Amino acid sequence: MRKYFSAAVEQLLNNKPLSIIMCIEFVVMISCFSLCFGSLQLYNIRRQMFNKNNMQSFYYVRSENSLEINRFIENEMGLDVMTFGYTEGVDIDTDIMIYSKSAFENIKMLISKGEGININKDYGTAIPCLITSELAKIYDVGKCYKLKTTDGIGIGNFYICGVIKNDVVFSPNYGFDYDKTCIIAFDPKDQIKKDADYMEFYAINTIGLNDFENIYSNYISNNVFQPFNYYYNERNNLERDNILPYAMLAIIFMALSISGLFSYTVISLEYLKRQTGIQYLCGAKLYQIMSVFILKNLLITAIPSFIAIPVILTMRNSELAQTTLISWEGYFAGVCLCLTGLIISSFISLVKINRRQVIKMLKSI
């Protein structure tokens, strides 16, 4: 096996510039595949959550004086208002979202570990909350933690009920957000210490409200009530715009990589025929020759596949990963695509290299 490997490396070094270019193309393609595949997964998760929670019936309440509108909706209209509050978290990258009882009743949270918040349970002085994946590395489910801001100001005593699945949380801004560092809390006793920039958002669920759009058409036309369809679509458009350059890179480098592998095969075919003929005359077997050739192609795909791993890990630890899912499934899809090109190019070489024709060509020289 060692001699096969040495021969494969030697063949690889015979076309060093082309081999380096192909490795770079494969690394870029696999990395972009991981990003684009993850974005597609995230879109599907959002769509499932949107449909599961009947978000098409939700309306976002907009007003310069949200509290006044909130009281008007509850007192005058008799509608149940969902409240979402934002306050400073344990560091600059962590927000705490405070859901009202109505919000928890209307929005079904998916939990990957632990359990959901029981809005009818008395947690004492603790504030029940759910966390996303990055915070789950710091805090244990089923335990209480006294959280503070970066300035050392106490926020409250939080009880970790569970971990949010897929890091997809409901946000009044854009429907469903992907957030790896987020806390969702239930605070009926108003215990959470709120910062100076604390904001509240309001929403209503119109399921069961007959003829809602006609009755409140004036509020809708004045954008006091805005459908969540709008924000859901805006989030998808924003995600699409962020991912589009990477998707274009993935397509371009996929075409370059696959065509490059085939070009590499064709360019090296004449050299391979001559080398194969010499090896035949020296008594080499076809399987030995093809083993070296396949091993060489395998190195062309294996080397960038390994190089792509630290690239993807870097992406997953970057700011980009805070808004976009970066998927290992996409990595494996890119690697499989490389292997498919390897198999096809090896098959082409096997068909083109004919023992009689190669030996005949060498004898005619």
Protein backbone atom coordinates (compact mmCIF):
# COMPACT_ATOMS: atom_id res chain seq x y z
CA MET A 1 0.00 0.00 0.00
CA ARG A 2 2.88 2.33 0.78
CA LYS A 3 4.29 2.04 -2.76
CA TYR A 4 0.84 2.80 -4.20
CA PHE A 5 0.61 5.87 -2.03
CA SER A 6 4.10 7.05 -3.03
CA ALA A 7 3.26 6.58 -6.71
CA ALA A 8 -0.02 8.49 -6.28
CA VAL A 9 1.77 11.41 -4.57
CA GLU A 10 4.35 11.43 -7.36
CA GLN A 11 1.60 11.66 -9.98
CA LEU A 12 -0.04 14.43 -7.99
CA LEU A 13 3.19 16.44 -7.85
CA ASN A 14 3.69 16.13 -11.60
CA ASN A 15 0.86 18.66 -12.01
CA LYS A 16 1.50 20.67 -8.85
CA PRO A 17 -0.09 24.03 -9.92
CA LEU A 18 -3.28 22.38 -11.17
CA SER A 19 -3.49 20.18 -8.07
CA ILE A 20 -3.20 23.22 -5.76
CA ILE A 21 -5.86 25.13 -7.72
CA MET A 22 -8.24 22.17 -7.56
CA CYS A 23 -7.72 21.78 -3.81
CA ILE A 24 -8.55 25.46 -3.26
CA GLU A 25 -11.67 25.14 -5.43
CA PHE A 26 -12.84 22.09 -3.48
CA VAL A 27 -12.28 23.80 -0.10
CA VAL A 28 -14.31 26.85 -1.14
CA MET A 29 -17.06 24.68 -2.63
CA ILE A 30 -17.40 22.41 0.42
CA SER A 31 -17.38 25.37 2.84
CA CYS A 32 -20.03 27.26 0.86
CA PHE A 33 -22.09 24.07 0.61
CA SER A 34 -22.08 23.84 4.40
CA LEU A 35 -23.33 27.41 4.69
CA CYS A 36 -25.99 27.20 1.96
CA PHE A 37 -27.27 23.80 3.08
CA GLY A 38 -27.58 25.12 6.62
CA SER A 39 -29.47 28.17 5.37
CA LEU A 40 -31.91 25.90 3.56
CA GLN A 41 -32.40 23.83 6.72
CA LEU A 42 -33.03 27.01 8.70
CA TYR A 43 -35.61 28.16 6.17
CA ASN A 44 -37.43 24.82 6.45
CA ILE A 45 -37.37 25.03 10.28
CA ARG A 46 -38.85 28.54 10.17
CA ARG A 47 -41.52 27.45 7.73
CA GLN A 48 -42.48 24.48 9.91
CA MET A 49 -42.63 26.68 13.01
CA PHE A 50 -44.65 29.30 11.15
CA ASN A 51 -47.20 26.71 10.03
CA LYS A 52 -47.21 24.82 13.34
CA ASN A 53 -48.09 27.99 15.27
CA ASN A 54 -50.58 29.31 12.68
CA MET A 55 -48.57 32.52 12.46
CA GLN A 56 -50.64 33.68 9.48
CA SER A 57 -53.31 34.59 12.06
CA PHE A 58 -50.94 36.74 14.17
CA TYR A 59 -50.91 40.51 13.97
CA TYR A 60 -48.14 42.73 15.26
CA VAL A 61 -49.34 45.85 17.10
CA ARG A 62 -47.47 49.00 16.11
CA SER A 63 -47.78 52.37 17.80
CA GLU A 64 -45.63 55.16 19.21
CA ASN A 65 -47.37 54.51 22.50
CA SER A 66 -47.53 50.70 22.61
CA LEU A 67 -48.71 50.61 26.22
CA GLU A 68 -51.69 52.80 25.40
CA ILE A 69 -52.60 50.61 22.42
CA ASN A 70 -52.15 47.54 24.60
CA ARG A 71 -54.68 48.85 27.14
CA PHE A 72 -57.05 49.88 24.36
CA ILE A 73 -56.93 46.41 22.75
CA GLU A 74 -57.53 44.64 26.06
CA ASN A 75 -60.12 47.03 27.52
CA GLU A 76 -61.97 48.37 24.47
CA MET A 77 -61.62 45.52 22.00
CA GLY A 78 -61.55 42.72 24.55
CA LEU A 79 -58.66 40.97 22.76
CA ASP A 80 -55.92 38.98 24.45
CA VAL A 81 -52.55 40.70 23.91
CA MET A 82 -49.24 38.85 23.74
CA THR A 83 -46.36 40.84 25.19
CA PHE A 84 -42.67 40.41 24.33
CA GLY A 85 -40.03 42.35 26.24
CA TYR A 86 -36.34 42.79 25.43
CA THR A 87 -33.75 43.63 28.07
CA GLU A 88 -29.98 43.46 28.51
CA GLY A 89 -28.55 39.98 28.97
CA VAL A 90 -25.50 38.52 30.66
CA ASP A 91 -23.20 40.00 28.01
CA ILE A 92 -23.42 42.15 24.89
CA ASP A 93 -24.30 39.15 22.71
CA THR A 94 -27.09 37.75 24.88
CA ASP A 95 -30.62 39.16 24.94
CA ILE A 96 -33.33 38.21 27.40
CA MET A 97 -36.79 38.02 25.89
CA ILE A 98 -39.66 38.11 28.38
CA TYR A 99 -42.84 36.40 27.16
CA SER A 100 -46.20 37.06 28.77
CA LYS A 101 -48.51 34.23 29.78
CA SER A 102 -50.55 34.77 26.62
CA ALA A 103 -47.41 34.52 24.48
CA PHE A 104 -46.50 31.12 25.96
CA GLU A 105 -50.09 29.95 25.47
CA ASN A 106 -50.09 30.93 21.80
CA ILE A 107 -46.56 29.93 20.76
CA LYS A 108 -45.44 26.31 20.95
CA MET A 109 -41.75 26.12 21.82
CA LEU A 110 -39.74 23.08 20.67
CA ILE A 111 -37.44 21.74 23.40
CA SER A 112 -34.37 19.57 22.76
CA LYS A 113 -33.43 19.07 26.42
CA GLY A 114 -35.27 19.48 29.69
CA GLU A 115 -38.85 20.72 29.60
CA GLY A 116 -40.90 23.73 28.68
CA ILE A 117 -41.94 26.44 31.12
CA ASN A 118 -45.06 25.58 33.09
CA ILE A 119 -46.89 28.92 33.24
CA ASN A 120 -49.23 27.57 35.93
CA LYS A 121 -46.40 26.52 38.26
CA ASP A 122 -45.05 28.71 41.05
CA TYR A 123 -41.24 28.77 40.79
CA GLY A 124 -40.90 30.83 43.95
CA THR A 125 -38.29 33.56 43.70
CA ALA A 126 -36.75 31.94 40.62
CA ILE A 127 -37.53 33.13 37.09
CA PRO A 128 -38.17 30.15 34.78
CA CYS A 129 -36.46 30.41 31.42
CA LEU A 130 -35.41 28.58 28.26
CA ILE A 131 -31.96 28.95 26.66
CA THR A 132 -30.36 28.28 23.28
CA SER A 133 -27.36 26.08 22.43
CA GLU A 134 -24.40 28.35 23.24
CA LEU A 135 -25.77 29.17 26.69
CA ALA A 136 -26.49 25.45 27.25
CA LYS A 137 -22.70 24.97 27.26
CA ILE A 138 -22.51 27.29 30.28
CA TYR A 139 -25.71 26.63 32.24
CA ASP A 140 -27.15 23.25 33.24
CA VAL A 141 -30.82 22.39 32.84
CA GLY A 142 -32.64 22.12 36.17
CA LYS A 143 -30.38 24.54 38.04
CA CYS A 144 -30.72 28.17 39.21
CA TYR A 145 -28.24 30.91 38.31
CA LYS A 146 -27.97 34.51 39.45
CA LEU A 147 -27.29 36.36 36.22
CA LYS A 148 -25.57 39.72 36.02
CA THR A 149 -24.77 42.17 33.25
CA THR A 150 -21.20 42.84 32.17
CA ASP A 151 -21.27 45.82 34.54
CA GLY A 152 -22.05 43.52 37.46
CA ILE A 153 -25.67 44.61 37.82
CA GLY A 154 -27.90 41.76 38.95
CA ILE A 155 -30.63 40.77 36.51
CA GLY A 156 -32.35 38.08 38.51
CA ASN A 157 -32.29 34.50 39.74
CA PHE A 158 -33.02 32.29 36.70
CA TYR A 159 -34.11 28.66 36.73
CA ILE A 160 -33.12 26.81 33.52
CA CYS A 161 -36.12 24.72 32.46
CA GLY A 162 -34.90 23.54 29.07
CA VAL A 163 -32.96 24.13 25.84
CA ILE A 164 -34.69 25.46 22.73
CA LYS A 165 -34.45 23.09 19.78
CA ASN A 166 -32.62 24.29 16.65
CA ASP A 167 -32.00 27.71 18.27
CA VAL A 168 -35.10 29.09 16.54
CA VAL A 169 -36.94 31.59 18.72
CA PHE A 170 -40.00 33.70 18.08
CA SER A 171 -39.23 37.38 17.73
CA PRO A 172 -41.73 40.17 17.06
CA ASN A 173 -39.16 41.81 14.78
CA TYR A 174 -38.99 39.19 12.04
CA GLY A 175 -41.18 36.28 13.08
CA PHE A 176 -38.66 33.53 13.82
CA ASP A 177 -35.02 34.31 14.53
CA TYR A 178 -32.01 32.00 14.65
CA ASP A 179 -30.20 32.96 17.85
CA LYS A 180 -27.57 30.81 19.56
CA THR A 181 -27.29 33.07 22.63
CA CYS A 182 -30.80 33.87 23.77
CA ILE A 183 -32.82 33.53 26.98
CA ILE A 184 -36.62 33.36 26.94
CA ALA A 185 -38.11 34.00 30.37
CA PHE A 186 -41.50 34.02 32.08
CA ASP A 187 -41.67 36.80 34.66
CA PRO A 188 -45.23 37.22 36.02
CA LYS A 189 -43.91 38.75 39.26
CA ASP A 190 -41.85 41.37 37.39
CA GLN A 191 -38.59 40.33 39.05
CA ILE A 192 -36.22 40.83 36.11
CA LYS A 193 -34.04 43.93 36.38
CA LYS A 194 -34.65 45.82 33.13
CA ASP A 195 -32.12 48.08 31.45
CA ALA A 196 -32.61 51.65 30.22
CA ASP A 197 -33.30 50.45 26.66
CA TYR A 198 -35.97 47.96 27.66
CA MET A 199 -38.59 47.57 24.92
CA GLU A 200 -41.95 45.85 24.70
CA PHE A 201 -43.72 44.55 21.62
CA TYR A 202 -47.34 43.49 21.35
CA ALA A 203 -49.16 40.96 19.20
CA ILE A 204 -52.62 39.42 18.92
CA ASN A 205 -53.82 36.05 17.69
CA THR A 206 -56.90 36.41 15.50
CA ILE A 207 -57.87 32.72 15.45
CA GLY A 208 -61.52 32.50 16.44
CA LEU A 209 -62.12 36.21 15.80
CA ASN A 210 -64.72 36.32 13.03
CA ASP A 211 -64.37 39.00 10.36
CA PHE A 212 -61.34 40.52 12.11
CA GLU A 213 -59.93 42.22 9.01
CA ASN A 214 -63.22 43.95 8.19
CA ILE A 215 -63.97 45.05 11.76
CA TYR A 216 -60.49 46.48 12.32
CA SER A 217 -59.73 47.48 8.72
CA ASN A 218 -59.01 51.04 9.83
CA TYR A 219 -56.26 49.85 12.18
CA ILE A 220 -54.85 47.56 9.49
CA SER A 221 -54.83 50.28 6.81
CA ASN A 222 -53.07 52.62 9.23
CA ASN A 223 -50.48 49.91 10.01
CA VAL A 224 -51.43 49.79 13.69
CA PHE A 225 -52.09 46.10 13.07
CA GLN A 226 -49.59 44.44 10.71
CA PRO A 227 -49.74 40.76 9.74
CA PHE A 228 -46.79 38.59 10.74
CA ASN A 229 -46.71 37.27 7.18
CA TYR A 230 -44.93 40.50 6.32
CA TYR A 231 -42.22 40.03 8.95
CA TYR A 232 -41.84 36.36 8.16
CA ASN A 233 -41.24 37.16 4.50
CA GLU A 234 -38.88 40.00 5.42
CA ARG A 235 -36.77 37.62 7.50
CA ASN A 236 -36.60 35.14 4.63
CA ASN A 237 -35.64 37.92 2.21
CA LEU A 238 -32.95 39.14 4.57
CA GLU A 239 -31.57 35.63 4.96
CA ARG A 240 -31.67 35.13 1.20
CA ASP A 241 -29.71 38.34 0.60
CA ASN A 242 -27.10 37.32 3.17
CA ILE A 243 -26.65 33.85 1.73
CA LEU A 244 -26.90 34.71 -1.99
CA PRO A 245 -23.17 35.53 -2.41
CA TYR A 246 -22.20 32.23 -0.76
CA ALA A 247 -24.72 30.35 -2.90
CA MET A 248 -23.21 31.89 -6.03
CA LEU A 249 -19.73 30.95 -4.83
CA ALA A 250 -20.90 27.39 -4.14
CA ILE A 251 -22.35 27.04 -7.64
CA ILE A 252 -19.35 28.64 -9.37
CA PHE A 253 -16.75 26.65 -7.48
CA MET A 254 -18.78 23.46 -7.81
CA ALA A 255 -18.69 23.91 -11.60
CA LEU A 256 -14.99 24.81 -11.49
CA SER A 257 -14.14 21.89 -9.21
CA ILE A 258 -16.00 19.23 -11.16
CA SER A 259 -14.88 20.53 -14.53
CA GLY A 260 -11.37 20.89 -13.12
CA LEU A 261 -11.34 17.28 -12.03
CA PHE A 262 -12.46 16.14 -15.47
CA SER A 263 -9.98 18.49 -17.16
CA TYR A 264 -7.26 17.17 -14.91
CA THR A 265 -8.20 13.66 -16.01
CA VAL A 266 -8.14 14.55 -19.72
CA ILE A 267 -4.88 16.53 -19.49
CA SER A 268 -3.11 13.76 -17.65
CA LEU A 269 -4.60 11.03 -19.86
CA GLU A 270 -1.87 11.11 -22.53
CA TYR A 271 0.81 11.11 -19.87
CA LEU A 272 -1.06 8.35 -18.10
CA LYS A 273 -1.29 6.27 -21.28
CA ARG A 274 2.45 6.49 -21.81
CA GLN A 275 3.16 5.71 -18.17
CA THR A 276 0.63 2.90 -18.18
CA GLY A 277 2.18 1.39 -21.31
CA ILE A 278 5.60 1.37 -19.69
CA GLN A 279 4.13 -0.21 -16.58
CA TYR A 280 2.35 -2.82 -18.70
CA LEU A 281 5.58 -3.69 -20.49
CA CYS A 282 7.24 -4.01 -17.11
CA GLY A 283 4.58 -6.51 -16.02
CA ALA A 284 2.25 -4.31 -14.00
CA LYS A 285 -1.39 -5.38 -13.68
CA LEU A 286 -4.35 -3.21 -14.58
CA TYR A 287 -5.70 -3.17 -11.01
CA GLN A 288 -2.32 -1.94 -9.73
CA ILE A 289 -2.21 0.90 -12.24
CA MET A 290 -5.80 1.92 -11.59
CA SER A 291 -5.28 1.69 -7.82
CA VAL A 292 -2.54 4.30 -8.07
CA PHE A 293 -4.69 6.51 -10.31
CA ILE A 294 -7.77 6.26 -8.04
CA LEU A 295 -5.62 6.90 -4.98
CA LYS A 296 -4.26 10.04 -6.64
CA ASN A 297 -7.78 11.29 -7.35
CA LEU A 298 -8.80 10.36 -3.82
CA LEU A 299 -6.01 12.56 -2.46
CA ILE A 300 -7.27 15.45 -4.61
CA THR A 301 -10.67 15.21 -2.89
CA ALA A 302 -9.54 14.05 0.57
CA ILE A 303 -6.99 16.82 1.18
CA PRO A 304 -9.45 19.71 0.64
CA SER A 305 -12.12 17.79 2.58
CA PHE A 306 -9.86 17.81 5.65
CA ILE A 307 -8.75 21.41 5.09
CA ALA A 308 -12.43 22.47 4.90
CA ILE A 309 -13.09 21.23 8.46
CA PRO A 310 -11.14 24.01 10.27
CA VAL A 311 -12.59 26.52 7.80
CA ILE A 312 -16.14 25.46 8.73
CA LEU A 313 -15.29 25.43 12.45
CA THR A 314 -14.03 29.01 12.08
CA MET A 315 -17.27 29.96 10.35
CA ARG A 316 -19.32 28.33 13.11
CA ASN A 317 -17.48 30.45 15.71
CA SER A 318 -17.81 33.68 13.74
CA GLU A 319 -20.53 36.34 13.88
CA LEU A 320 -22.01 34.83 10.73
CA ALA A 321 -23.04 31.74 12.70
CA GLN A 322 -25.11 33.88 15.07
CA THR A 323 -27.66 34.55 12.34
CA THR A 324 -27.21 31.62 9.98
CA LEU A 325 -27.12 27.88 10.56
CA ILE A 326 -23.86 26.33 9.32
CA SER A 327 -24.53 22.66 8.72
CA TRP A 328 -22.28 19.62 8.81
CA GLU A 329 -24.84 17.93 6.56
CA GLY A 330 -23.83 20.47 3.90
CA TYR A 331 -20.19 19.54 4.44
CA PHE A 332 -20.91 15.86 3.85
CA ALA A 333 -23.02 16.73 0.79
CA GLY A 334 -20.08 18.66 -0.67
CA VAL A 335 -17.67 15.82 0.07
CA CYS A 336 -20.05 13.30 -1.55
CA LEU A 337 -20.21 15.51 -4.63
CA CYS A 338 -16.41 15.49 -4.77
CA LEU A 339 -16.37 11.71 -4.46
CA THR A 340 -18.94 11.44 -7.25
CA GLY A 341 -16.64 13.45 -9.51
CA LEU A 342 -13.78 11.18 -8.46
CA ILE A 343 -15.70 8.04 -9.41
CA ILE A 344 -16.80 9.42 -12.78
CA SER A 345 -13.32 10.69 -13.72
CA SER A 346 -11.75 7.39 -12.68
CA PHE A 347 -14.30 5.51 -14.80
CA ILE A 348 -13.47 7.72 -17.82
CA SER A 349 -9.78 6.96 -17.39
CA LEU A 350 -10.47 3.24 -17.05
CA VAL A 351 -12.46 3.24 -20.31
CA LYS A 352 -9.89 5.31 -22.19
CA ILE A 353 -6.88 3.28 -21.11
CA ASN A 354 -6.84 0.13 -23.23
CA ARG A 355 -3.98 -2.34 -22.81
CA ARG A 356 -3.56 -3.16 -26.51
CA GLN A 357 -3.82 0.42 -27.70
CA VAL A 358 -1.34 1.67 -25.11
CA ILE A 359 1.25 -1.00 -25.90
CA LYS A 360 0.68 -0.47 -29.64
CA MET A 361 1.24 3.25 -29.19
CA LEU A 362 4.50 2.67 -27.34
CA LYS A 363 5.79 0.23 -29.97
CA SER A 364 5.08 2.71 -32.74
CA ILE A 365 7.29 5.36 -31.06
